[in-house]
């Protein structure tokens, strides 16, 4: 479900960028993305930046939970030290 939502959000952002660049005015003001096409490059980065931000937030959550990590993770093994 998360992957489906993420792909839908990515596609929606890409479509929103195309829709923003088209009209001459936005909210009654001159559309800067229409009159200056170089600003469109920054808009085209939004879906990818959004994806990177979501992945960073998701990885922080996974690191915090440490699901399935062994109890002795990061402790060096020395034979005979654990009372066996």
N, C-alpha and C. Protein backbone atom coordinates (compact mmCIF):
# COMPACT_ATOMS: atom_id res chain seq x y z
N UNK A 1 0.82 -1.20 0.00
CA UNK A 1 0.00 0.00 0.00
C UNK A 1 0.87 1.27 0.00
N UNK A 2 1.98 1.22 0.75
CA UNK A 2 2.83 2.40 0.78
C UNK A 2 3.48 2.66 -0.58
N UNK A 3 3.86 1.59 -1.26
CA UNK A 3 4.48 1.77 -2.58
C UNK A 3 3.46 2.32 -3.58
N UNK A 4 2.23 1.85 -3.49
CA UNK A 4 1.19 2.35 -4.39
C UNK A 4 0.91 3.83 -4.10
N UNK A 5 0.85 4.20 -2.83
CA UNK A 5 0.63 5.59 -2.48
C UNK A 5 1.80 6.46 -2.93
N UNK A 6 3.02 5.96 -2.74
CA UNK A 6 4.20 6.72 -3.14
C UNK A 6 4.25 6.94 -4.65
N UNK A 7 3.93 5.91 -5.41
CA UNK A 7 3.95 6.09 -6.86
C UNK A 7 2.83 7.02 -7.32
N UNK A 8 1.70 6.96 -6.67
CA UNK A 8 0.60 7.88 -7.00
C UNK A 8 0.98 9.32 -6.67
N UNK A 9 1.62 9.53 -5.52
CA UNK A 9 2.05 10.88 -5.13
C UNK A 9 3.12 11.40 -6.09
N UNK A 10 4.04 10.54 -6.51
CA UNK A 10 5.08 10.94 -7.46
C UNK A 10 4.45 11.37 -8.79
N UNK A 11 3.52 10.58 -9.29
CA UNK A 11 2.84 10.92 -10.53
C UNK A 11 2.01 12.18 -10.41
N UNK A 12 1.37 12.37 -9.26
CA UNK A 12 0.56 13.57 -9.05
C UNK A 12 1.45 14.82 -9.02
N UNK A 13 2.62 14.72 -8.41
CA UNK A 13 3.54 15.86 -8.40
C UNK A 13 4.04 16.18 -9.80
N UNK A 14 4.34 15.14 -10.58
CA UNK A 14 4.80 15.38 -11.96
C UNK A 14 3.72 16.05 -12.77
N UNK A 15 2.47 15.62 -12.58
CA UNK A 15 1.36 16.21 -13.32
C UNK A 15 1.11 17.66 -12.85
N UNK A 16 1.22 17.89 -11.56
CA UNK A 16 1.02 19.23 -11.01
C UNK A 16 2.03 20.22 -11.61
N UNK A 17 3.26 19.77 -11.81
CA UNK A 17 4.29 20.63 -12.39
C UNK A 17 3.90 21.03 -13.80
N UNK A 18 3.39 20.09 -14.58
CA UNK A 18 2.95 20.42 -15.94
C UNK A 18 1.79 21.40 -15.92
N UNK A 19 0.87 21.20 -14.98
CA UNK A 19 -0.29 22.09 -14.89
C UNK A 19 0.09 23.49 -14.43
N UNK A 20 1.10 23.62 -13.58
CA UNK A 20 1.52 24.93 -13.09
C UNK A 20 2.22 25.73 -14.19
N UNK A 21 2.95 25.07 -15.07
CA UNK A 21 3.71 25.77 -16.10
C UNK A 21 2.84 26.26 -17.25
N UNK A 22 1.61 25.77 -17.39
CA UNK A 22 0.79 26.08 -18.54
C UNK A 22 0.11 27.43 -18.57
N UNK A 23 -0.63 27.82 -17.52
CA UNK A 23 -1.43 29.05 -17.62
C UNK A 23 -0.59 30.32 -17.53
N UNK A 24 -1.16 31.40 -18.08
CA UNK A 24 -0.48 32.70 -18.05
C UNK A 24 -0.51 33.32 -16.66
N UNK A 25 -1.57 33.04 -15.88
CA UNK A 25 -1.70 33.61 -14.54
C UNK A 25 -1.99 32.50 -13.54
N UNK A 26 -1.50 32.71 -12.33
CA UNK A 26 -1.79 31.83 -11.20
C UNK A 26 -2.36 32.69 -10.08
N UNK A 27 -3.56 32.40 -9.66
CA UNK A 27 -4.22 33.14 -8.57
C UNK A 27 -4.28 34.64 -8.87
N UNK A 28 -4.47 34.97 -10.14
CA UNK A 28 -4.61 36.37 -10.54
C UNK A 28 -3.30 37.11 -10.74
N UNK A 29 -2.18 36.45 -10.56
CA UNK A 29 -0.87 37.06 -10.74
C UNK A 29 -0.17 36.42 -11.94
N UNK A 30 0.84 37.13 -12.46
CA UNK A 30 1.63 36.56 -13.57
C UNK A 30 2.28 35.26 -13.13
N UNK A 31 2.23 34.27 -13.97
CA UNK A 31 2.84 32.98 -13.67
C UNK A 31 4.34 33.05 -13.98
N UNK A 32 5.19 33.03 -12.95
CA UNK A 32 6.63 33.14 -13.21
C UNK A 32 7.19 31.93 -13.94
N UNK A 33 6.55 30.78 -13.80
CA UNK A 33 7.03 29.57 -14.45
C UNK A 33 6.70 29.56 -15.93
N UNK A 34 5.71 30.32 -16.33
CA UNK A 34 5.36 30.43 -17.75
C UNK A 34 6.27 31.42 -18.46
N UNK A 35 6.52 32.55 -17.81
CA UNK A 35 7.31 33.60 -18.44
C UNK A 35 8.81 33.36 -18.35
N UNK A 36 9.26 32.59 -17.38
CA UNK A 36 10.68 32.28 -17.24
C UNK A 36 10.83 30.76 -17.21
N UNK A 37 11.12 30.14 -18.36
CA UNK A 37 11.16 28.67 -18.41
C UNK A 37 12.29 28.06 -17.59
N UNK A 38 13.29 28.84 -17.20
CA UNK A 38 14.39 28.28 -16.41
C UNK A 38 13.94 27.90 -15.01
N UNK A 39 12.91 28.54 -14.50
CA UNK A 39 12.39 28.18 -13.18
C UNK A 39 11.72 26.81 -13.21
N UNK A 40 11.34 26.38 -14.38
CA UNK A 40 10.72 25.06 -14.52
C UNK A 40 11.65 23.93 -14.15
N UNK A 41 12.96 24.16 -14.28
CA UNK A 41 13.91 23.13 -13.90
C UNK A 41 13.83 22.84 -12.40
N UNK A 42 13.62 23.88 -11.61
CA UNK A 42 13.47 23.67 -10.17
C UNK A 42 12.18 22.94 -9.85
N UNK A 43 11.15 23.26 -10.58
CA UNK A 43 9.88 22.55 -10.37
C UNK A 43 10.02 21.07 -10.72
N UNK A 44 10.77 20.76 -11.75
CA UNK A 44 10.92 19.38 -12.16
C UNK A 44 11.71 18.55 -11.15
N UNK A 45 12.43 19.20 -10.27
CA UNK A 45 13.17 18.48 -9.22
C UNK A 45 12.27 18.08 -8.05
N UNK A 46 11.11 18.69 -7.91
CA UNK A 46 10.25 18.45 -6.74
C UNK A 46 9.89 16.98 -6.51
N UNK A 47 9.44 16.22 -7.50
CA UNK A 47 9.09 14.82 -7.21
C UNK A 47 10.28 14.01 -6.71
N UNK A 48 11.45 14.26 -7.26
CA UNK A 48 12.64 13.51 -6.84
C UNK A 48 13.09 13.93 -5.45
N UNK A 49 13.04 15.22 -5.16
CA UNK A 49 13.38 15.69 -3.81
C UNK A 49 12.39 15.15 -2.79
N UNK A 50 11.12 15.11 -3.15
CA UNK A 50 10.10 14.54 -2.26
C UNK A 50 10.39 13.08 -1.99
N UNK A 51 10.77 12.32 -3.02
CA UNK A 51 11.10 10.90 -2.84
C UNK A 51 12.29 10.73 -1.92
N UNK A 52 13.32 11.53 -2.08
CA UNK A 52 14.50 11.42 -1.23
C UNK A 52 14.16 11.75 0.22
N UNK A 53 13.36 12.77 0.43
CA UNK A 53 12.96 13.15 1.79
C UNK A 53 12.15 12.04 2.45
N UNK A 54 11.23 11.44 1.72
CA UNK A 54 10.43 10.35 2.27
C UNK A 54 11.31 9.14 2.60
N UNK A 55 12.28 8.83 1.75
CA UNK A 55 13.18 7.71 2.03
C UNK A 55 14.05 7.96 3.24
N UNK A 56 14.51 9.18 3.43
CA UNK A 56 15.33 9.52 4.60
C UNK A 56 14.49 9.39 5.87
N UNK A 57 13.28 9.90 5.84
CA UNK A 57 12.40 9.80 7.02
C UNK A 57 12.07 8.34 7.31
N UNK A 58 11.81 7.57 6.28
CA UNK A 58 11.50 6.15 6.48
C UNK A 58 12.67 5.36 7.01
N UNK A 59 13.89 5.67 6.56
CA UNK A 59 15.05 4.95 7.05
C UNK A 59 15.35 5.31 8.50
N UNK A 60 15.08 6.55 8.89
CA UNK A 60 15.27 6.93 10.30
C UNK A 60 14.34 6.13 11.19
N UNK A 61 13.12 5.94 10.73
CA UNK A 61 12.15 5.18 11.51
C UNK A 61 12.58 3.72 11.63
N UNK A 62 13.10 3.14 10.54
CA UNK A 62 13.53 1.75 10.57
C UNK A 62 14.74 1.57 11.47
N UNK A 63 15.66 2.52 11.45
CA UNK A 63 16.84 2.43 12.32
C UNK A 63 16.42 2.54 13.78
N UNK A 64 15.45 3.39 14.04
CA UNK A 64 14.99 3.57 15.42
C UNK A 64 14.34 2.30 15.96
N UNK A 65 13.59 1.63 15.14
CA UNK A 65 12.88 0.44 15.61
C UNK A 65 13.79 -0.77 15.73
N UNK A 66 14.73 -0.90 14.78
CA UNK A 66 15.66 -2.04 14.75
C UNK A 66 14.92 -3.37 14.84
N UNK A 67 13.99 -3.57 13.96
CA UNK A 67 13.22 -4.80 13.95
C UNK A 67 14.10 -5.99 13.55
N UNK A 68 14.10 -7.01 14.37
CA UNK A 68 14.82 -8.24 14.06
C UNK A 68 16.32 -8.16 14.22
N UNK A 69 16.83 -7.13 14.85
CA UNK A 69 18.27 -7.02 15.04
C UNK A 69 18.71 -7.91 16.20
N UNK A 70 19.86 -8.58 16.07
CA UNK A 70 20.34 -9.43 17.16
C UNK A 70 20.70 -8.59 18.40
N UNK A 71 20.58 -9.21 19.56
CA UNK A 71 20.84 -8.50 20.82
C UNK A 71 22.31 -8.09 20.94
N UNK A 72 23.23 -8.89 20.37
CA UNK A 72 24.66 -8.62 20.50
C UNK A 72 25.21 -7.89 19.28
N UNK A 73 24.37 -7.18 18.59
CA UNK A 73 24.81 -6.45 17.40
C UNK A 73 25.82 -5.37 17.80
N UNK A 74 26.99 -5.41 17.18
CA UNK A 74 28.02 -4.42 17.45
C UNK A 74 28.98 -4.80 18.56
N UNK A 75 28.74 -5.91 19.24
CA UNK A 75 29.63 -6.36 20.31
C UNK A 75 30.56 -7.42 19.73
N UNK A 76 31.88 -7.23 19.82
CA UNK A 76 32.79 -8.21 19.24
C UNK A 76 32.70 -9.55 19.98
N UNK A 77 32.85 -10.63 19.24
CA UNK A 77 32.79 -11.97 19.83
C UNK A 77 34.18 -12.38 20.29
N UNK A 78 34.29 -12.76 21.55
CA UNK A 78 35.52 -13.31 22.09
C UNK A 78 35.18 -14.66 22.69
N UNK A 79 35.83 -15.70 22.17
CA UNK A 79 35.52 -17.07 22.58
C UNK A 79 35.78 -17.27 24.07
N UNK A 80 34.81 -17.90 24.72
CA UNK A 80 34.93 -18.23 26.12
C UNK A 80 34.57 -17.10 27.07
N UNK A 81 34.18 -15.98 26.56
CA UNK A 81 33.89 -14.84 27.40
C UNK A 81 32.44 -14.84 27.90
N UNK A 82 31.58 -15.61 27.30
CA UNK A 82 30.17 -15.57 27.64
C UNK A 82 29.73 -16.72 28.54
N UNK A 83 30.64 -17.43 29.11
CA UNK A 83 30.29 -18.46 30.07
C UNK A 83 29.83 -19.76 29.47
N UNK A 84 30.16 -20.04 28.23
CA UNK A 84 29.75 -21.33 27.63
C UNK A 84 30.74 -22.40 27.88
